[in-house]
Amino acid sequence: MSSVLAPSSVAAAVEPLPAQRSRGYWASVWLRFRRDPVAVGAAVVVLLLIALAIFGPWLAPADPYQSSMLKRLKPIGTEGLPLGSDELGRDMLSRLIVGARLSLFIGITPVLCAFVLGTVIGIVAGYAGGLTNTLIMRTIDVFYAFPSVLLAIALSGALGAGVVNSLISLTIVFIPQIARVAESVTTQVRNRDYVEAARASGAGPFTIVRVHVLGNVLGPIFVYATSLIAVSMILASGLSFLGLGVKPPEPEWGLMLNMLRTAIYVQPWVAALPGVMIFVTSISFNILSDGLRTAMDNKG
């Protein structure tokens, strides 16, 4: 014989579970990024390099500009010179530490400037469409006719050697690449339902771009720009190696590599140290960019 439950008992049995707060997009990105040990390791290396660039002058064990012909081209492990000395007897460890600031500055600054300018150009072209898009993107295509290395060398050669001219030439090189990505993602977003609804409600183009478009396109553009930092580091070092970038006696990894090229047969390990720093920095930014791209993928 079945018993009939009281209404209060039924209510207690079907008591609703407490609502769980859904995880936000960036929280999900951070969670997925933390699960990638390689990307986390690359991020740690990048943070250490940035810290080295900021606090390098206080961490250097010796004066990176002080030369001594008696200590010229000392090997790694020499007393008082743990990483040896360069062709003028300057402490390699100190010059590598202090050189991180200038090397990272020349590598990151052009990408940041190109990120701002290229994003604006790409969003305008992608959202406007039509003739405006055609004029802007066909002008951008002109720069794609030249390889990045040759274009950077040509611009630096025309502007003259120096840090500022190197920054300008590298910025010009990266603007078309970022603008192309920005235009592509903006073209996809501009036809979404929420953009059409905002347009139908009477919102102006500036409001639509600021509220609905910008937040949805900055992520992919930022990830792509991060991948360009490694390219910028290599190009900036190449310009300094060719004498079109930083001038002596400033400690910059590309310039140090150029100055030590004649010592490769005498002290090959010492001569290779600036190249090792460039390689580690470039590969770390590449791995970090790949980790961010994977973490920002909603399918991941």
Protein backbone atom coordinates (compact mmCIF):
# COMPACT_ATOMS: atom_id res chain seq x y z
CA MET A 1 0.00 0.00 0.00
CA SER A 2 1.60 3.24 -1.20
CA SER A 3 1.84 6.14 1.16
CA VAL A 4 1.03 9.71 0.08
CA LEU A 5 3.78 12.23 0.75
CA ALA A 6 2.87 15.49 2.39
CA PRO A 7 3.29 18.66 0.29
CA SER A 8 6.04 19.90 2.63
CA SER A 9 7.99 16.67 2.11
CA VAL A 10 7.70 16.99 -1.67
CA ALA A 11 8.94 20.59 -1.52
CA ALA A 12 11.91 19.55 0.59
CA ALA A 13 12.75 16.72 -1.79
CA VAL A 14 12.84 18.95 -4.88
CA GLU A 15 14.68 21.84 -3.23
CA PRO A 16 16.54 23.67 -6.04
CA LEU A 17 20.31 23.52 -6.18
CA PRO A 18 22.21 26.75 -5.55
CA ALA A 19 22.95 28.66 -8.74
CA GLN A 20 26.51 28.37 -9.98
CA ARG A 21 28.17 31.43 -11.44
CA SER A 22 29.36 30.78 -14.99
CA ARG A 23 33.01 31.31 -15.69
CA GLY A 24 33.79 34.40 -17.80
CA TYR A 25 35.61 34.28 -21.11
CA TRP A 26 38.95 35.61 -19.86
CA ALA A 27 38.78 33.36 -16.80
CA SER A 28 38.36 30.40 -19.16
CA VAL A 29 41.28 31.63 -21.27
CA TRP A 30 43.47 31.85 -18.16
CA LEU A 31 42.40 28.37 -17.05
CA ARG A 32 43.24 26.85 -20.44
CA PHE A 33 46.54 28.74 -20.57
CA ARG A 34 47.58 27.44 -17.14
CA ARG A 35 47.09 23.88 -18.36
CA ASP A 36 49.81 24.33 -20.99
CA PRO A 37 53.14 23.90 -19.15
CA VAL A 38 55.22 24.87 -22.20
CA ALA A 39 53.36 28.17 -22.65
CA VAL A 40 53.57 28.89 -18.93
CA GLY A 41 57.31 28.24 -19.03
CA ALA A 42 57.67 30.62 -21.99
CA ALA A 43 55.65 33.25 -20.11
CA VAL A 44 57.98 32.89 -17.12
CA VAL A 45 61.02 33.37 -19.38
CA VAL A 46 59.44 36.47 -20.95
CA LEU A 47 58.65 37.93 -17.52
CA LEU A 48 62.23 37.27 -16.40
CA LEU A 49 63.57 39.02 -19.50
CA ILE A 50 61.30 42.00 -18.90
CA ALA A 51 62.44 42.15 -15.26
CA LEU A 52 66.03 41.95 -16.49
CA ALA A 53 65.38 44.85 -18.86
CA ILE A 54 63.86 46.97 -16.09
CA PHE A 55 66.34 46.23 -13.31
CA GLY A 56 69.37 45.36 -15.47
CA PRO A 57 71.55 48.39 -14.60
CA TRP A 58 71.23 47.53 -10.90
CA LEU A 59 71.81 43.80 -11.43
CA ALA A 60 74.92 44.08 -13.61
CA PRO A 61 78.00 43.00 -11.64
CA ALA A 62 80.33 45.41 -13.50
CA ASP A 63 80.30 48.52 -15.67
CA PRO A 64 79.23 47.34 -19.15
CA TYR A 65 81.12 50.23 -20.78
CA GLN A 66 84.47 49.84 -18.99
CA SER A 67 87.07 48.31 -21.30
CA SER A 68 90.45 46.76 -20.56
CA MET A 69 92.77 45.46 -23.24
CA LEU A 70 94.41 43.22 -20.64
CA LYS A 71 91.10 41.34 -20.25
CA ARG A 72 90.33 41.11 -23.96
CA LEU A 73 88.43 37.98 -25.14
CA LYS A 74 88.67 36.06 -21.89
CA PRO A 75 86.92 32.66 -21.94
CA ILE A 76 83.79 31.71 -20.03
CA GLY A 77 84.55 30.93 -16.39
CA THR A 78 87.36 33.44 -15.95
CA GLU A 79 87.62 34.77 -12.40
CA GLY A 80 85.62 37.99 -12.20
CA LEU A 81 84.26 37.39 -15.72
CA PRO A 82 81.79 34.49 -15.46
CA LEU A 83 80.73 34.78 -19.12
CA GLY A 84 84.07 36.02 -20.42
CA SER A 85 84.80 39.38 -22.05
CA ASP A 86 84.32 40.92 -25.48
CA GLU A 87 86.84 42.30 -27.98
CA LEU A 88 87.47 45.35 -25.79
CA GLY A 89 87.69 43.50 -22.49
CA ARG A 90 84.21 44.46 -21.28
CA ASP A 91 82.28 42.09 -19.02
CA MET A 92 79.95 40.02 -21.21
CA LEU A 93 77.53 39.20 -18.39
CA SER A 94 77.01 42.88 -17.61
CA ARG A 95 76.59 43.79 -21.27
CA LEU A 96 74.07 40.99 -21.84
CA ILE A 97 72.05 42.05 -18.79
CA VAL A 98 72.07 45.76 -19.60
CA GLY A 99 71.55 45.04 -23.31
CA ALA A 100 68.24 43.34 -22.57
CA ARG A 101 66.61 46.75 -22.06
CA LEU A 102 67.57 48.17 -25.44
CA SER A 103 67.05 44.89 -27.29
CA LEU A 104 63.54 44.35 -25.90
CA PHE A 105 62.67 48.02 -26.36
CA ILE A 106 63.59 47.94 -30.05
CA GLY A 107 61.82 44.60 -30.47
CA ILE A 108 58.55 45.37 -28.66
CA THR A 109 57.98 49.09 -29.36
CA PRO A 110 57.51 48.77 -33.16
CA VAL A 111 54.97 45.98 -32.62
CA LEU A 112 53.02 48.09 -30.10
CA CYS A 113 52.96 51.09 -32.43
CA ALA A 114 51.99 48.91 -35.39
CA PHE A 115 49.33 47.23 -33.24
CA VAL A 116 47.63 50.57 -32.56
CA LEU A 117 47.93 51.99 -36.08
CA GLY A 118 47.28 48.72 -37.90
CA THR A 119 44.23 47.94 -35.76
CA VAL A 120 42.70 51.35 -36.50
CA ILE A 121 43.37 51.02 -40.23
CA GLY A 122 42.08 47.45 -40.39
CA ILE A 123 38.90 48.14 -38.40
CA VAL A 124 38.07 51.18 -40.54
CA ALA A 125 38.59 49.18 -43.73
CA GLY A 126 36.72 46.13 -42.45
CA TYR A 127 33.71 47.99 -41.07
CA ALA A 128 33.35 50.53 -43.88
CA GLY A 129 33.67 47.99 -46.69
CA GLY A 130 33.05 48.94 -50.30
CA LEU A 131 35.32 51.49 -51.95
CA THR A 132 36.98 52.48 -48.66
CA ASN A 133 38.01 48.90 -48.02
CA THR A 134 39.31 48.53 -51.55
CA LEU A 135 41.43 51.69 -51.43
CA ILE A 136 42.94 50.91 -48.03
CA MET A 137 43.63 47.22 -48.59
CA ARG A 138 45.06 47.68 -52.09
CA THR A 139 47.46 50.24 -50.62
CA ILE A 140 48.36 47.73 -47.90
CA ASP A 141 48.98 45.09 -50.58
CA VAL A 142 51.73 47.25 -52.07
CA PHE A 143 53.86 46.65 -48.97
CA TYR A 144 53.36 42.89 -49.33
CA ALA A 145 55.30 43.05 -52.60
CA PHE A 146 58.51 43.41 -50.59
CA PRO A 147 59.92 40.88 -48.09
CA SER A 148 59.95 42.18 -44.54
CA VAL A 149 63.73 41.96 -44.21
CA LEU A 150 64.45 43.85 -47.43
CA LEU A 151 61.81 46.47 -46.66
CA ALA A 152 63.25 47.06 -43.17
CA ILE A 153 66.78 47.36 -44.55
CA ALA A 154 65.67 49.70 -47.34
CA LEU A 155 63.73 51.97 -44.99
CA SER A 156 66.53 52.04 -42.40
CA GLY A 157 69.07 52.75 -45.11
CA ALA A 158 66.96 55.62 -46.45
CA LEU A 159 66.25 57.11 -43.02
CA GLY A 160 69.75 56.57 -41.68
CA ALA A 161 71.20 54.56 -38.81
CA GLY A 162 69.92 55.04 -35.28
CA VAL A 163 67.43 53.72 -32.77
CA VAL A 164 64.59 56.07 -33.74
CA ASN A 165 64.91 55.34 -37.45
CA SER A 166 65.00 51.60 -36.72
CA LEU A 167 61.76 51.92 -34.74
CA ILE A 168 60.11 53.85 -37.57
CA SER A 169 61.18 51.39 -40.26
CA LEU A 170 60.07 48.33 -38.26
CA THR A 171 56.74 49.95 -37.43
CA ILE A 172 56.10 50.58 -41.12
CA VAL A 173 56.96 46.95 -41.86
CA PHE A 174 54.46 45.55 -39.32
CA ILE A 175 51.51 47.90 -39.92
CA PRO A 176 50.32 46.16 -43.14
CA GLN A 177 50.44 42.71 -41.52
CA ILE A 178 48.40 43.73 -38.48
CA ALA A 179 46.00 45.79 -40.61
CA ARG A 180 45.32 42.75 -42.78
CA VAL A 181 44.39 40.62 -39.74
CA ALA A 182 42.28 43.44 -38.26
CA GLU A 183 40.40 43.90 -41.52
CA SER A 184 39.71 40.17 -41.80
CA VAL A 185 38.26 39.72 -38.31
CA THR A 186 36.30 42.98 -38.52
CA THR A 187 34.70 41.88 -41.78
CA GLN A 188 33.51 38.71 -40.04
CA VAL A 189 32.14 40.54 -36.99
CA ARG A 190 30.39 43.34 -38.86
CA ASN A 191 27.70 40.99 -40.22
CA ARG A 192 26.88 39.35 -36.87
CA ASP A 193 23.34 39.55 -35.52
CA TYR A 194 24.19 41.78 -32.57
CA VAL A 195 25.85 44.32 -34.87
CA GLU A 196 22.83 44.32 -37.17
CA ALA A 197 20.55 44.77 -34.14
CA ALA A 198 22.63 47.71 -32.90
CA ARG A 199 22.54 49.27 -36.35
CA ALA A 200 18.76 48.81 -36.54
CA SER A 201 18.33 50.43 -33.14
CA GLY A 202 19.89 53.62 -34.46
CA ALA A 203 23.41 53.34 -33.04
CA GLY A 204 26.06 55.22 -34.99
CA PRO A 205 29.13 53.63 -36.57
CA PHE A 206 31.50 54.89 -33.87
CA THR A 207 29.29 53.50 -31.10
CA ILE A 208 28.91 50.15 -32.84
CA VAL A 209 32.67 49.85 -33.36
CA ARG A 210 33.47 50.89 -29.80
CA VAL A 211 30.86 48.74 -28.05
CA HIS A 212 30.30 45.71 -30.29
CA VAL A 213 33.24 45.36 -32.67
CA LEU A 214 36.35 46.39 -30.76
CA GLY A 215 36.01 43.89 -27.93
CA ASN A 216 35.49 40.99 -30.35
CA VAL A 217 38.43 41.71 -32.65
CA LEU A 218 41.17 42.82 -30.25
CA GLY A 219 41.86 39.28 -29.02
CA PRO A 220 42.91 37.73 -32.36
CA ILE A 221 44.80 40.89 -33.33
CA PHE A 222 46.68 40.92 -30.02
CA VAL A 223 47.67 37.26 -30.35
CA TYR A 224 48.97 37.85 -33.86
CA ALA A 225 50.86 40.95 -32.74
CA THR A 226 52.49 38.89 -29.97
CA SER A 227 53.83 36.49 -32.59
CA LEU A 228 55.42 39.45 -34.42
CA ILE A 229 57.58 40.36 -31.42
CA ALA A 230 59.92 37.47 -32.20
CA VAL A 231 60.20 38.65 -35.82
CA SER A 232 60.78 42.21 -34.63
CA MET A 233 63.56 41.07 -32.29
CA ILE A 234 65.32 39.27 -35.13
CA LEU A 235 64.89 42.16 -37.59
CA ALA A 236 66.07 44.74 -35.04
CA SER A 237 69.12 42.62 -34.24
CA GLY A 238 69.76 42.21 -37.95
CA LEU A 239 69.65 45.97 -38.50
CA SER A 240 72.12 46.49 -35.66
CA PHE A 241 74.29 43.71 -37.08
CA LEU A 242 74.38 45.55 -40.42
CA GLY A 243 75.19 48.87 -38.77
CA LEU A 244 71.74 50.36 -39.42
CA GLY A 245 70.46 50.19 -35.85
CA VAL A 246 72.10 50.86 -32.52
CA LYS A 247 75.52 52.48 -32.61
CA PRO A 248 78.54 51.53 -30.47
CA PRO A 249 79.28 51.44 -27.59
CA GLU A 250 75.66 50.77 -26.54
CA PRO A 251 75.08 47.18 -25.37
CA GLU A 252 72.54 45.67 -27.74
CA TRP A 253 72.49 41.98 -28.61
CA GLY A 254 72.51 42.41 -32.39
CA LEU A 255 75.31 44.96 -32.27
CA MET A 256 77.27 42.77 -29.85
CA LEU A 257 76.91 39.86 -32.27
CA ASN A 258 78.28 42.05 -35.05
CA MET A 259 81.23 43.29 -33.00
CA LEU A 260 82.14 39.75 -31.91
CA ARG A 261 81.91 38.11 -35.34
CA THR A 262 85.66 38.40 -35.86
CA ALA A 263 86.29 36.66 -32.52
CA ILE A 264 84.33 33.53 -33.40
CA TYR A 265 87.54 31.62 -34.17
CA VAL A 266 89.20 32.75 -30.92
CA GLN A 267 86.35 32.50 -28.41
CA PRO A 268 83.37 30.92 -30.22
CA TRP A 269 81.30 30.39 -27.06
CA VAL A 270 81.67 34.01 -25.96
CA ALA A 271 80.87 35.25 -29.47
CA ALA A 272 77.71 33.11 -29.56
CA LEU A 273 76.21 34.44 -26.29
CA PRO A 274 74.31 37.41 -27.85
CA GLY A 275 72.88 35.06 -30.45
CA VAL A 276 71.76 32.68 -27.71
CA MET A 277 69.92 35.53 -25.98
CA ILE A 278 68.22 36.53 -29.23
CA PHE A 279 67.21 32.90 -29.87
CA VAL A 280 65.84 32.34 -26.35
CA THR A 281 63.86 35.59 -26.45
CA SER A 282 62.43 34.93 -29.90
CA ILE A 283 61.43 31.33 -29.21
CA SER A 284 59.85 32.33 -25.87
CA PHE A 285 57.65 34.95 -27.52
CA ASN A 286 56.71 32.47 -30.26
CA ILE A 287 55.69 29.79 -27.75
CA LEU A 288 53.80 32.36 -25.68
CA SER A 289 51.91 33.50 -28.77
CA ASP A 290 50.98 29.91 -29.67
CA GLY A 291 49.82 29.28 -26.09
CA LEU A 292 47.63 32.38 -26.12
CA ARG A 293 46.15 31.42 -29.49
CA THR A 294 45.27 27.97 -28.22
CA ALA A 295 43.83 29.29 -24.95
CA MET A 296 41.65 31.84 -26.76
CA ASP A 297 40.20 29.18 -29.03
CA ASN A 298 36.69 28.50 -27.76
CA LYS A 299 36.88 24.96 -29.10
CA GLY A 300 39.88 24.21 -26.91
